[in-house]
């Protein structure tokens, strides 16, 4: 990809740093990799926290805009918030989570909605609830590079089309190998939430698959992070099995 050509921008809206409990990618390395791969916009969407995204934004060089985001675990599944100023707490319903994102002036999207191998997806959600959610969100991940089988992404793309929602391609990178492996091409310039919302209506998707090696490393990564004291942030009042 050649950044800025003919007014286009190259956007990966789902990436994790070592601030997440399931990634070891240093923020500085993510920024460097994004630049090397020609991304113009990268959303750092760590689980339930913004510190990694804020650090990345502060160190990003000219030509790369870091979008401060978060992947939030709602009671119905994951929701991504973009252009956030404060973390959205986990444990709300999906609709409440979307509302909290919009209150900050952000965009709300649904990642990997029909991946049956993730408890954080929406594959088991009732149709009526999906319809209500579709009326409130700004976009759907029509292609997530970490989804292991095509049918789930195809269903997500069909869901976006049938509800006249913007569909994006995203890497869901948890390692440096995956940064920008899938991304969305949009008309630029994009300098904020309103620009992105408008541009998503003409998105072009560039798809690529995460390696099985990267996905297979996840259990080990979580153990390392747990040993470092970086555990998933649970909803207020939640008590883990280990206390």
Protein backbone atom coordinates (compact mmCIF):
# COMPACT_ATOMS: atom_id res chain seq x y z
CA UNK A 1 0.00 0.00 0.00
CA UNK A 2 1.17 3.51 -0.79
CA UNK A 3 -0.15 5.92 1.83
CA UNK A 4 -1.94 9.03 0.66
CA UNK A 5 -2.13 8.05 -3.03
CA UNK A 6 -5.07 9.77 -4.75
CA UNK A 7 -6.43 10.91 -1.41
CA UNK A 8 -6.83 7.40 -0.05
CA UNK A 9 -6.09 6.33 3.51
CA UNK A 10 -5.28 2.86 4.79
CA UNK A 11 -6.97 1.99 8.06
CA UNK A 12 -6.71 -0.95 10.47
CA UNK A 13 -9.42 -0.50 13.09
CA UNK A 14 -8.59 -3.38 15.46
CA UNK A 15 -5.17 -3.95 17.01
CA UNK A 16 -3.93 -4.95 20.47
CA UNK A 17 -0.80 -3.92 22.35
CA UNK A 18 0.93 -5.34 25.41
CA UNK A 19 -1.55 -3.35 27.49
CA UNK A 20 -4.02 -6.12 26.65
CA UNK A 21 -3.94 -9.30 28.71
CA UNK A 22 -3.54 -11.34 25.52
CA UNK A 23 -0.81 -9.52 23.59
CA UNK A 24 2.91 -8.96 24.07
CA UNK A 25 3.37 -6.37 21.31
CA UNK A 26 5.24 -3.27 22.56
CA UNK A 27 3.54 -0.04 21.61
CA UNK A 28 6.69 1.37 20.01
CA UNK A 29 7.04 -1.74 17.83
CA UNK A 30 3.41 -1.54 16.73
CA UNK A 31 3.85 2.07 15.65
CA UNK A 32 7.04 1.26 13.75
CA UNK A 33 5.42 -1.75 12.06
CA UNK A 34 2.33 0.24 11.05
CA UNK A 35 4.54 2.85 9.40
CA UNK A 36 6.61 0.22 7.61
CA UNK A 37 3.46 -1.42 6.22
CA UNK A 38 2.01 1.84 4.95
CA UNK A 39 -0.93 2.27 7.28
CA UNK A 40 -2.13 5.85 7.68
CA UNK A 41 -4.55 5.13 10.55
CA UNK A 42 -4.35 2.46 13.23
CA UNK A 43 -6.84 1.93 16.04
CA UNK A 44 -5.30 0.50 19.19
CA UNK A 45 -8.22 -1.32 20.81
CA UNK A 46 -6.94 -2.99 23.95
CA UNK A 47 -9.36 -4.84 26.19
CA UNK A 48 -11.02 -2.51 28.72
CA UNK A 49 -8.21 0.09 28.75
CA UNK A 50 -6.82 3.02 26.79
CA UNK A 51 -3.27 3.45 28.11
CA UNK A 52 -1.59 1.57 25.26
CA UNK A 53 -3.51 3.58 22.66
CA UNK A 54 -2.68 6.88 24.36
CA UNK A 55 1.01 5.98 24.49
CA UNK A 56 0.94 5.05 20.80
CA UNK A 57 -0.82 8.29 19.87
CA UNK A 58 1.83 10.33 21.66
CA UNK A 59 4.72 8.67 19.81
CA UNK A 60 3.18 8.28 16.34
CA UNK A 61 5.16 10.09 13.62
CA UNK A 62 3.61 12.35 10.98
CA UNK A 63 1.69 10.28 8.46
CA UNK A 64 0.31 7.83 11.00
CA UNK A 65 -2.75 8.66 13.08
CA UNK A 66 -3.43 6.49 16.10
CA UNK A 67 -7.12 6.18 16.91
CA UNK A 68 -7.69 5.71 20.62
CA UNK A 69 -10.04 2.77 20.98
CA UNK A 70 -11.11 -0.06 23.23
CA UNK A 71 -12.53 -3.55 22.86
CA UNK A 72 -15.19 -3.75 25.56
CA UNK A 73 -16.67 -6.99 26.86
CA UNK A 74 -20.41 -6.41 27.17
CA UNK A 75 -22.82 -8.96 28.59
CA UNK A 76 -23.81 -9.76 25.00
CA UNK A 77 -20.37 -9.86 23.39
CA UNK A 78 -17.50 -7.58 22.42
CA UNK A 79 -18.04 -4.02 21.19
CA UNK A 80 -15.31 -1.77 19.82
CA UNK A 81 -15.26 1.92 20.60
CA UNK A 82 -13.18 4.37 18.55
CA UNK A 83 -12.15 7.94 19.32
CA UNK A 84 -12.62 7.49 23.04
CA UNK A 85 -11.53 9.84 25.78
CA UNK A 86 -12.10 7.50 28.74
CA UNK A 87 -12.50 3.73 29.13
CA UNK A 88 -15.96 2.23 28.82
CA UNK A 89 -16.43 -0.29 31.65
CA UNK A 90 -17.10 -3.95 30.91
CA UNK A 91 -20.28 -5.66 32.06
CA UNK A 92 -22.86 -3.37 30.46
CA UNK A 93 -25.28 -4.68 27.87
CA UNK A 94 -24.22 -4.25 24.24
CA UNK A 95 -26.75 -1.46 23.77
CA UNK A 96 -25.56 0.30 26.92
CA UNK A 97 -21.96 -0.07 25.75
CA UNK A 98 -22.77 1.45 22.37
CA UNK A 99 -24.58 4.33 24.08
CA UNK A 100 -21.57 4.96 26.35
CA UNK A 101 -19.29 5.10 23.29
CA UNK A 102 -21.58 7.50 21.48
CA UNK A 103 -21.77 9.73 24.56
CA UNK A 104 -18.03 10.32 24.09
CA UNK A 105 -18.54 11.21 20.44
CA UNK A 106 -17.02 7.91 19.33
CA UNK A 107 -17.90 5.23 16.82
CA UNK A 108 -19.18 1.83 17.90
CA UNK A 109 -18.49 -1.34 15.94
CA UNK A 110 -19.01 -5.06 16.34
CA UNK A 111 -15.92 -7.25 15.93
CA UNK A 112 -15.96 -10.89 14.76
CA UNK A 113 -19.72 -11.11 15.42
CA UNK A 114 -20.34 -14.67 14.24
CA UNK A 115 -17.16 -16.46 15.27
CA UNK A 116 -18.50 -19.46 17.17
CA UNK A 117 -15.07 -20.20 18.62
CA UNK A 118 -15.13 -16.99 20.69
CA UNK A 119 -17.40 -16.55 23.67
CA UNK A 120 -17.17 -12.81 22.97
CA UNK A 121 -19.02 -13.03 19.67
CA UNK A 122 -22.71 -12.67 18.93
CA UNK A 123 -23.28 -16.03 17.23
CA UNK A 124 -25.75 -17.14 19.89
CA UNK A 125 -27.56 -13.81 20.24
CA UNK A 126 -31.30 -13.77 19.57
CA UNK A 127 -32.36 -12.20 16.25
CA UNK A 128 -34.49 -9.57 17.94
CA UNK A 129 -31.52 -8.40 19.99
CA UNK A 130 -29.29 -8.34 16.91
CA UNK A 131 -31.83 -6.16 15.13
CA UNK A 132 -31.87 -3.65 17.99
CA UNK A 133 -28.08 -3.58 18.04
CA UNK A 134 -27.85 -3.13 14.27
CA UNK A 135 -29.96 0.01 14.57
CA UNK A 136 -27.40 1.61 16.92
CA UNK A 137 -23.92 0.62 15.76
CA UNK A 138 -21.76 2.40 13.18
CA UNK A 139 -20.04 -0.53 11.50
CA UNK A 140 -19.44 -4.28 11.51
CA UNK A 141 -16.21 -6.18 10.99
CA UNK A 142 -17.19 -7.83 7.71
CA UNK A 143 -13.75 -9.46 7.70
CA UNK A 144 -11.65 -10.25 10.77
CA UNK A 145 -8.25 -11.76 9.97
CA UNK A 146 -8.29 -13.97 13.07
CA UNK A 147 -11.61 -15.67 12.33
CA UNK A 148 -10.53 -19.21 11.42
CA UNK A 149 -13.24 -20.12 8.94
CA UNK A 150 -14.72 -18.20 6.03
CA UNK A 151 -18.39 -18.76 6.81
CA UNK A 152 -18.30 -16.53 9.90
CA UNK A 153 -16.84 -13.59 7.99
CA UNK A 154 -19.25 -14.19 5.12
CA UNK A 155 -22.16 -14.09 7.56
CA UNK A 156 -20.82 -10.87 9.07
CA UNK A 157 -20.54 -9.27 5.63
CA UNK A 158 -24.08 -10.38 4.76
CA UNK A 159 -25.35 -8.98 8.06
CA UNK A 160 -23.74 -5.62 7.29
CA UNK A 161 -25.21 -5.52 3.79
CA UNK A 162 -28.71 -6.53 4.86
CA UNK A 163 -28.77 -3.83 7.55
CA UNK A 164 -27.11 -1.17 5.37
CA UNK A 165 -24.20 -0.97 7.78
CA UNK A 166 -20.63 -0.14 6.87
CA UNK A 167 -18.40 -3.20 6.74
CA UNK A 168 -14.66 -3.07 7.44
CA UNK A 169 -11.70 -5.42 7.28
CA UNK A 170 -9.46 -5.49 10.35
CA UNK A 171 -6.43 -7.44 11.49
CA UNK A 172 -7.39 -7.95 15.14
CA UNK A 173 -3.62 -8.08 15.56
CA UNK A 174 -2.29 -9.54 18.78
CA UNK A 175 1.26 -9.83 17.41
CA UNK A 176 3.48 -7.71 15.20
CA UNK A 177 3.17 -10.28 12.42
CA UNK A 178 -0.50 -9.42 12.11
CA UNK A 179 -0.50 -5.61 12.11
CA UNK A 180 -2.18 -4.44 8.91
CA UNK A 181 -2.67 -7.94 7.53
CA UNK A 182 -6.25 -6.90 6.83
CA UNK A 183 -7.29 -3.28 6.47
CA UNK A 184 -9.80 -0.90 4.94
CA UNK A 185 -9.14 1.64 2.19
CA UNK A 186 -11.11 4.88 2.55
CA UNK A 187 -11.24 8.30 0.94
CA UNK A 188 -9.27 10.83 2.95
CA UNK A 189 -8.46 12.91 4.74
CA UNK A 190 -9.73 11.47 8.02
CA UNK A 191 -8.97 13.44 11.16
CA UNK A 192 -11.76 12.50 13.54
CA UNK A 193 -14.86 10.48 14.27
CA UNK A 194 -17.16 12.38 11.91
CA UNK A 195 -14.72 12.01 9.01
CA UNK A 196 -14.40 8.28 9.62
CA UNK A 197 -18.15 7.75 9.93
CA UNK A 198 -18.72 9.48 6.59
CA UNK A 199 -15.87 7.68 4.83
CA UNK A 200 -16.97 4.21 5.93
CA UNK A 201 -19.88 4.34 3.49
CA UNK A 202 -17.40 3.89 0.61
CA UNK A 203 -15.01 1.40 2.22
CA UNK A 204 -12.91 -1.02 0.18
CA UNK A 205 -11.74 -4.10 2.08
CA UNK A 206 -8.30 -5.69 1.79
CA UNK A 207 -8.32 -9.11 3.39
CA UNK A 208 -5.57 -11.35 4.70
CA UNK A 209 -5.33 -14.20 7.18
CA UNK A 210 -3.54 -14.29 10.50
CA UNK A 211 -1.05 -17.14 10.74
CA UNK A 212 -1.92 -20.23 12.72
CA UNK A 213 1.34 -19.68 14.60
CA UNK A 214 0.17 -16.29 15.85
CA UNK A 215 -3.18 -17.71 16.95
CA UNK A 216 -1.57 -20.77 18.49
CA UNK A 217 0.63 -18.63 20.73
CA UNK A 218 -2.34 -17.09 22.54
CA UNK A 219 -2.47 -19.47 25.54
CA UNK A 220 1.24 -18.91 26.24
CA UNK A 221 0.87 -15.14 25.84
CA UNK A 222 -1.96 -15.09 28.39
CA UNK A 223 0.13 -17.08 30.88
CA UNK A 224 3.06 -14.67 30.48
CA UNK A 225 0.80 -11.68 30.99
CA UNK A 226 -0.82 -13.28 34.00
CA UNK A 227 2.62 -13.83 35.54
CA UNK A 228 3.34 -10.16 34.92
CA UNK A 229 0.15 -9.23 36.75
CA UNK A 230 -1.71 -8.17 33.61
CA UNK A 231 -5.07 -9.89 33.86
CA UNK A 232 -8.32 -9.12 32.15
CA UNK A 233 -10.18 -6.22 33.74
CA UNK A 234 -13.43 -7.65 35.07
CA UNK A 235 -16.73 -5.86 35.62
CA UNK A 236 -17.14 -4.12 38.97
CA UNK A 237 -18.18 -6.60 41.65
CA UNK A 238 -16.95 -9.62 39.68
CA UNK A 239 -15.02 -12.20 41.66
CA UNK A 240 -12.66 -14.46 39.74
CA UNK A 241 -12.28 -18.14 40.43
CA UNK A 242 -8.97 -17.44 42.13
CA UNK A 243 -10.37 -14.63 44.23
